[in-house]
Protein backbone atom coordinates (compact mmCIF):
# COMPACT_ATOMS: atom_id res chain seq x y z
CA MET A 1 0.17 0.06 0.01
CA LYS A 2 2.80 2.37 0.72
CA ILE A 3 4.31 1.57 -2.77
CA PHE A 4 0.79 2.31 -4.22
CA VAL A 5 0.89 5.97 -2.18
CA MET A 6 4.04 6.53 -3.00
CA LEU A 7 3.52 5.80 -7.26
CA ILE A 8 0.28 7.95 -6.85
CA VAL A 9 2.42 11.28 -5.32
CA LEU A 10 5.24 10.60 -7.73
CA PHE A 11 2.96 10.44 -10.62
CA LEU A 12 0.88 13.59 -9.61
CA THR A 13 4.22 15.43 -8.77
CA ILE A 14 5.30 14.50 -12.58
CA VAL A 15 1.95 15.59 -14.03
CA GLN A 16 2.08 18.96 -12.03
CA ALA A 17 5.50 19.95 -13.55
CA GLU A 18 4.71 18.91 -17.18
CA SER A 19 1.52 21.17 -16.48
CA LEU A 20 3.72 23.97 -17.16
CA GLY A 21 4.97 25.24 -20.66
CA VAL A 22 3.02 26.01 -23.58
CA ASN A 23 -0.25 24.42 -24.66
CA GLU A 24 -0.28 25.19 -28.04
CA LYS A 25 -3.48 26.82 -29.64
CA LEU A 26 -3.24 27.50 -33.38
CA GLY A 27 -5.97 28.74 -35.11
CA GLU A 28 -7.42 30.73 -31.99
CA TYR A 29 -7.69 34.16 -31.54
CA VAL A 30 -6.35 36.60 -28.59
CA PRO A 31 -8.53 39.46 -27.55
CA LEU A 32 -7.29 42.60 -29.52
CA ASP A 33 -8.89 45.01 -27.25
CA LEU A 34 -6.45 43.90 -24.19
CA THR A 35 -4.59 47.20 -22.58
CA PHE A 36 -0.98 47.67 -21.90
CA ILE A 37 1.44 49.96 -20.52
CA ASP A 38 4.51 50.57 -22.96
CA GLU A 39 7.90 51.89 -22.01
CA ASN A 40 7.17 55.47 -22.30
CA GLY A 41 4.11 55.07 -19.77
CA LYS A 42 1.52 55.07 -22.41
CA SER A 43 -1.84 52.71 -21.88
CA ARG A 44 -2.75 51.08 -25.52
CA THR A 45 -4.74 48.30 -26.82
CA LEU A 46 -2.89 45.24 -27.86
CA LYS A 47 -4.44 45.84 -31.50
CA GLU A 48 -3.15 49.44 -31.39
CA TYR A 49 0.58 48.02 -30.75
CA MET A 50 0.12 45.43 -33.65
CA ASP A 51 -1.04 48.34 -35.82
CA GLY A 52 -2.40 46.01 -38.50
CA LYS A 53 0.92 44.10 -38.73
CA PRO A 54 1.67 40.32 -38.07
CA THR A 55 3.24 40.44 -34.56
CA ILE A 56 6.43 38.25 -32.93
CA LEU A 57 5.31 37.92 -28.95
CA SER A 58 7.57 37.39 -26.46
CA LEU A 59 6.06 36.76 -22.70
CA ASN A 60 8.82 37.14 -20.38
CA TYR A 61 9.67 39.28 -17.03
CA PHE A 62 11.91 42.11 -17.21
CA LYS A 63 13.42 40.99 -13.45
CA CYS A 64 14.34 37.33 -14.69
CA GLY A 65 18.04 36.06 -14.02
CA GLY A 66 17.27 33.10 -16.15
CA ILE A 67 16.66 32.39 -19.63
CA CYS A 68 14.85 35.47 -20.52
CA GLY A 69 18.09 37.56 -20.92
CA PRO A 70 19.39 35.12 -23.73
CA GLN A 71 16.45 34.84 -25.20
CA LEU A 72 15.96 38.35 -25.65
CA GLU A 73 19.58 38.80 -26.73
CA ASP A 74 19.05 36.30 -29.33
CA MET A 75 15.50 38.21 -30.55
CA ALA A 76 18.07 41.07 -30.75
CA LYS A 77 20.44 39.36 -32.96
CA LEU A 78 17.65 37.59 -34.79
CA LEU A 79 16.15 40.77 -35.47
CA SER A 80 18.85 43.06 -36.71
CA ARG A 81 19.37 40.17 -39.45
CA LEU A 82 15.78 39.46 -40.78
CA ASP A 83 15.37 40.39 -43.88
CA LEU A 84 11.94 42.28 -43.52
CA SER A 85 11.11 46.02 -42.71
CA GLU A 86 10.17 46.30 -39.21
CA ASN A 87 7.04 48.35 -38.41
CA THR A 88 6.18 48.08 -42.02
CA ASP A 89 6.16 43.94 -42.36
CA TYR A 90 6.09 43.15 -38.67
CA LYS A 91 5.97 44.66 -34.99
CA VAL A 92 7.47 42.52 -31.86
CA LEU A 93 5.96 42.83 -28.69
CA THR A 94 7.57 41.50 -25.38
CA ILE A 95 5.28 41.62 -22.26
CA SER A 96 5.95 41.42 -18.75
CA PHE A 97 3.60 38.82 -16.86
CA ALA A 98 4.63 40.14 -13.69
CA LEU A 99 2.37 42.16 -12.03
CA ASP A 100 4.74 44.31 -9.92
CA GLU A 101 6.93 45.32 -12.96
CA THR A 102 6.56 48.85 -14.29
CA TYR A 103 7.18 50.69 -17.10
CA PRO A 104 10.59 52.36 -16.53
CA LEU A 105 11.90 48.95 -15.75
CA ALA A 106 10.57 47.88 -19.32
CA LYS A 107 12.03 51.25 -20.66
CA GLY A 108 15.45 50.12 -19.18
CA LYS A 109 15.07 46.93 -21.19
CA ARG A 110 14.04 48.42 -24.43
CA ASP A 111 16.77 50.46 -24.22
CA MET A 112 19.44 47.91 -23.60
CA TYR A 113 18.30 45.23 -26.33
CA HIS A 114 17.87 48.21 -28.70
CA LYS A 115 21.55 49.23 -28.24
CA ALA A 116 22.53 45.42 -28.52
CA MET A 117 21.44 45.33 -32.10
CA SER A 118 23.86 45.34 -35.05
CA ARG A 119 21.83 48.04 -37.19
CA PRO A 120 19.74 50.73 -36.64
CA TYR A 121 16.22 49.63 -35.70
CA VAL A 122 13.06 51.39 -35.85
CA GLN A 123 11.78 51.93 -31.96
CA ASP A 124 8.72 52.01 -32.39
CA ALA A 125 8.76 48.20 -34.21
CA TRP A 126 9.83 46.43 -30.71
CA HIS A 127 7.63 47.70 -27.83
CA PHE A 128 8.49 46.40 -24.11
CA LEU A 129 5.05 46.37 -21.73
CA VAL A 130 3.85 45.73 -18.75
CA THR A 131 0.50 44.68 -17.33
CA GLU A 132 -2.32 46.67 -17.07
CA ASN A 133 -5.63 45.25 -15.33
CA ASN A 134 -3.96 41.63 -15.12
CA SER A 135 -3.94 42.17 -19.27
CA SER A 136 -0.72 40.10 -18.98
CA ALA A 137 -2.42 36.80 -17.45
CA VAL A 138 -5.49 36.87 -19.77
CA LEU A 139 -2.97 36.88 -22.83
CA ALA A 140 -0.81 34.31 -21.50
CA ASP A 141 -3.67 31.99 -20.70
CA LYS A 142 -5.33 32.32 -24.37
CA VAL A 143 -1.81 31.50 -26.09
CA GLY A 144 -1.54 28.75 -23.88
CA PHE A 145 1.97 30.14 -21.87
CA THR A 146 1.78 28.81 -18.54
CA TYR A 147 4.03 29.58 -15.77
CA LYS A 148 4.58 29.19 -12.08
CA LYS A 149 5.42 32.13 -9.23
CA THR A 150 8.00 30.74 -6.59
CA VAL A 151 8.86 32.68 -3.40
CA THR A 152 12.08 32.02 -1.67
CA ASP A 153 12.84 31.50 2.14
CA ALA A 154 14.20 34.96 1.69
CA GLY A 155 11.45 36.33 -0.11
CA VAL A 156 12.56 36.24 -3.75
CA VAL A 157 10.07 36.12 -6.30
CA ASP A 158 11.10 34.06 -9.38
CA TYR A 159 8.72 32.39 -12.12
CA ILE A 160 9.35 28.84 -13.65
CA HIS A 161 8.28 29.53 -17.57
CA PRO A 162 9.30 28.47 -20.89
CA ALA A 163 10.87 30.55 -23.66
CA THR A 164 8.88 30.38 -27.06
CA LEU A 165 7.68 32.96 -29.46
CA ILE A 166 4.38 33.39 -30.57
CA VAL A 167 3.09 34.83 -34.24
CA ILE A 168 -0.02 36.39 -34.10
CA SER A 169 -1.89 37.54 -37.47
CA PRO A 170 -3.07 41.18 -38.03
CA LYS A 171 -6.51 40.02 -37.37
CA GLY A 172 -5.19 38.07 -33.61
CA LYS A 173 -5.19 34.64 -35.02
CA ILE A 174 -2.26 32.57 -33.21
CA THR A 175 -0.27 31.34 -36.60
CA ARG A 176 2.98 29.72 -35.08
CA TYR A 177 4.84 28.93 -32.02
CA LEU A 178 8.72 28.68 -32.23
CA ASN A 179 10.24 26.84 -29.05
CA GLY A 180 13.34 27.69 -27.35
CA ILE A 181 16.04 30.51 -27.09
CA GLU A 182 17.40 30.58 -30.41
CA GLN A 183 15.67 31.13 -33.58
CA LEU A 184 16.75 31.15 -37.38
CA PRO A 185 15.98 34.17 -39.56
CA PHE A 186 14.65 32.23 -42.50
CA ASP A 187 11.85 30.32 -40.21
CA MET A 188 11.15 33.44 -38.16
CA LYS A 189 10.85 35.25 -41.98
CA MET A 190 8.29 32.44 -42.97
CA ALA A 191 6.41 32.31 -39.70
CA VAL A 192 5.80 36.52 -40.16
CA PHE A 193 5.09 35.81 -44.20
CA GLU A 194 2.63 33.34 -43.38
CA SER A 195 1.04 35.01 -40.56
CA GLY A 196 0.07 37.95 -42.87
CA GLN A 197 -1.86 35.73 -44.72
CA GLY A 198 -3.53 34.10 -41.79
CA LYS A 199 -1.89 30.54 -42.23
CA ILE A 200 -1.07 28.28 -39.71
CA GLY A 201 2.13 27.16 -39.55
CA PRO A 202 4.12 24.33 -37.67
CA THR A 203 5.72 24.23 -34.67
CA ILE A 204 9.57 25.29 -35.04
CA ALA A 205 11.77 23.24 -32.23
CA LYS A 206 9.34 21.17 -30.06
CA THR A 207 11.63 20.81 -27.31
CA LEU A 208 10.99 23.39 -24.82
CA LEU A 209 13.42 25.28 -22.37
CA TYR A 210 12.31 26.27 -18.76
CA CYS A 211 13.72 29.30 -16.82
CA PHE A 212 15.00 28.18 -13.64
CA SER A 213 16.94 29.81 -10.71
CA TYR A 214 20.42 31.47 -11.95
CA ASP A 215 23.59 30.94 -9.72
CA PRO A 216 25.04 34.52 -9.29
CA LYS A 217 28.69 32.54 -7.70
CA GLY A 218 28.56 29.99 -10.44
CA LYS A 219 27.44 32.38 -13.12
CA THR A 220 25.38 29.45 -14.42
CA TYR A 221 21.84 28.45 -14.52
CA VAL A 222 20.88 25.61 -12.04
CA PHE A 223 19.31 22.40 -13.63
CA ALA A 224 16.18 21.08 -12.38
CA TRP A 225 17.59 17.66 -11.37
CA GLU A 226 14.48 17.55 -9.16
CA LYS A 227 12.23 16.52 -12.39
CA ILE A 228 14.72 13.79 -13.71
CA VAL A 229 14.68 12.48 -10.37
CA ALA A 230 11.41 12.22 -10.03
CA THR A 231 10.93 10.72 -13.30
CA VAL A 232 13.76 8.09 -12.55
CA ILE A 233 12.13 7.37 -9.26
CA LEU A 234 8.88 7.01 -10.68
CA ILE A 235 10.32 4.36 -13.23
CA ILE A 236 12.19 2.46 -10.51
CA THR A 237 8.83 2.23 -8.22
CA ILE A 238 6.68 1.10 -11.37
CA LEU A 239 9.13 -1.50 -12.12
CA PHE A 240 9.56 -2.30 -8.71
CA PHE A 241 5.94 -2.71 -8.03
CA LEU A 242 5.43 -4.94 -11.33
CA TRP A 243 8.40 -7.06 -9.72
CA LEU A 244 6.55 -7.70 -6.31
CA LEU A 245 3.30 -8.57 -8.61
CA LYS A 246 5.03 -10.90 -9.99
CA ALA A 247 6.84 -12.31 -7.20
CA GLY A 248 3.91 -12.65 -5.25
CA ARG A 249 2.08 -14.47 -8.08
CA ARG A 250 5.01 -16.94 -8.24
CA ASP A 251 4.87 -17.54 -4.59
CA GLN A 252 1.45 -18.31 -4.57
CA GLU A 253 1.60 -20.70 -7.24
CA GLU A 254 4.32 -22.64 -5.71
CA HIS A 255 2.47 -22.71 -2.50
CA GLN A 256 -0.45 -23.97 -4.35
CA ASN A 257 1.64 -26.66 -6.28
CA GLN A 258 3.35 -27.74 -2.40
CA ARG A 259 -0.48 -28.02 -1.69
CA ARG A 260 -1.63 -30.21 -4.37
CA ASN A 261 2.00 -32.57 -3.52
CA LEU A 262 0.96 -32.99 0.05
CA ASP A 263 -2.56 -33.95 -0.61
CA GLU A 264 -1.21 -36.26 -3.26
């Protein structure tokens, strides 16, 4: 019975961990009347920010010490090399899902990544936004982007979340997911081109990367060993449980055979 209970607990733990990530909703529409606050403190609707263009969307939080930084750095490189005209062919929105982040922080991030680009880039083409009236959470839910807030014993707030780019058509249709940190300019160009036509494209890079805690001393990312260990323990437990069942049946058969021999 204890083994069975342990099996259930481990299974539920892994199911809960797997619930974080991206639940793709290709072909569905996002509400374009959601309002956000940009890096200049102005409030506008999602429709106004998109301006009738295919839009590349990234969901991050600006105080992130994990993969948000590398993802946004790669976006700066990607957009610098993209063979399209920003603000004419497409728009880019990086939206914070952290409720406590403010537009001055968004402005600092916007300025930093614009400066990191290898060519002059139209500033109005890539906005950094913060939530207004819980709009970020609503948008995240509509695109299937799930994350989990964590608080350490010291009171440090962090989030476990995936890294993905989502392409939305001018009418708000979700047309493409590009998972992971690094993206190829050709893949993005095709995603934007097809989105402009309202076409749904296959997901790029199925493997999702997750944001975990950052070790400032080791200057590295802390790998989520607990998930791997839980999976291994679950497999071992299942095998052990099956072995017990088989051993129990074998002992029962031997006991029955012994009784038959005694009766004879």
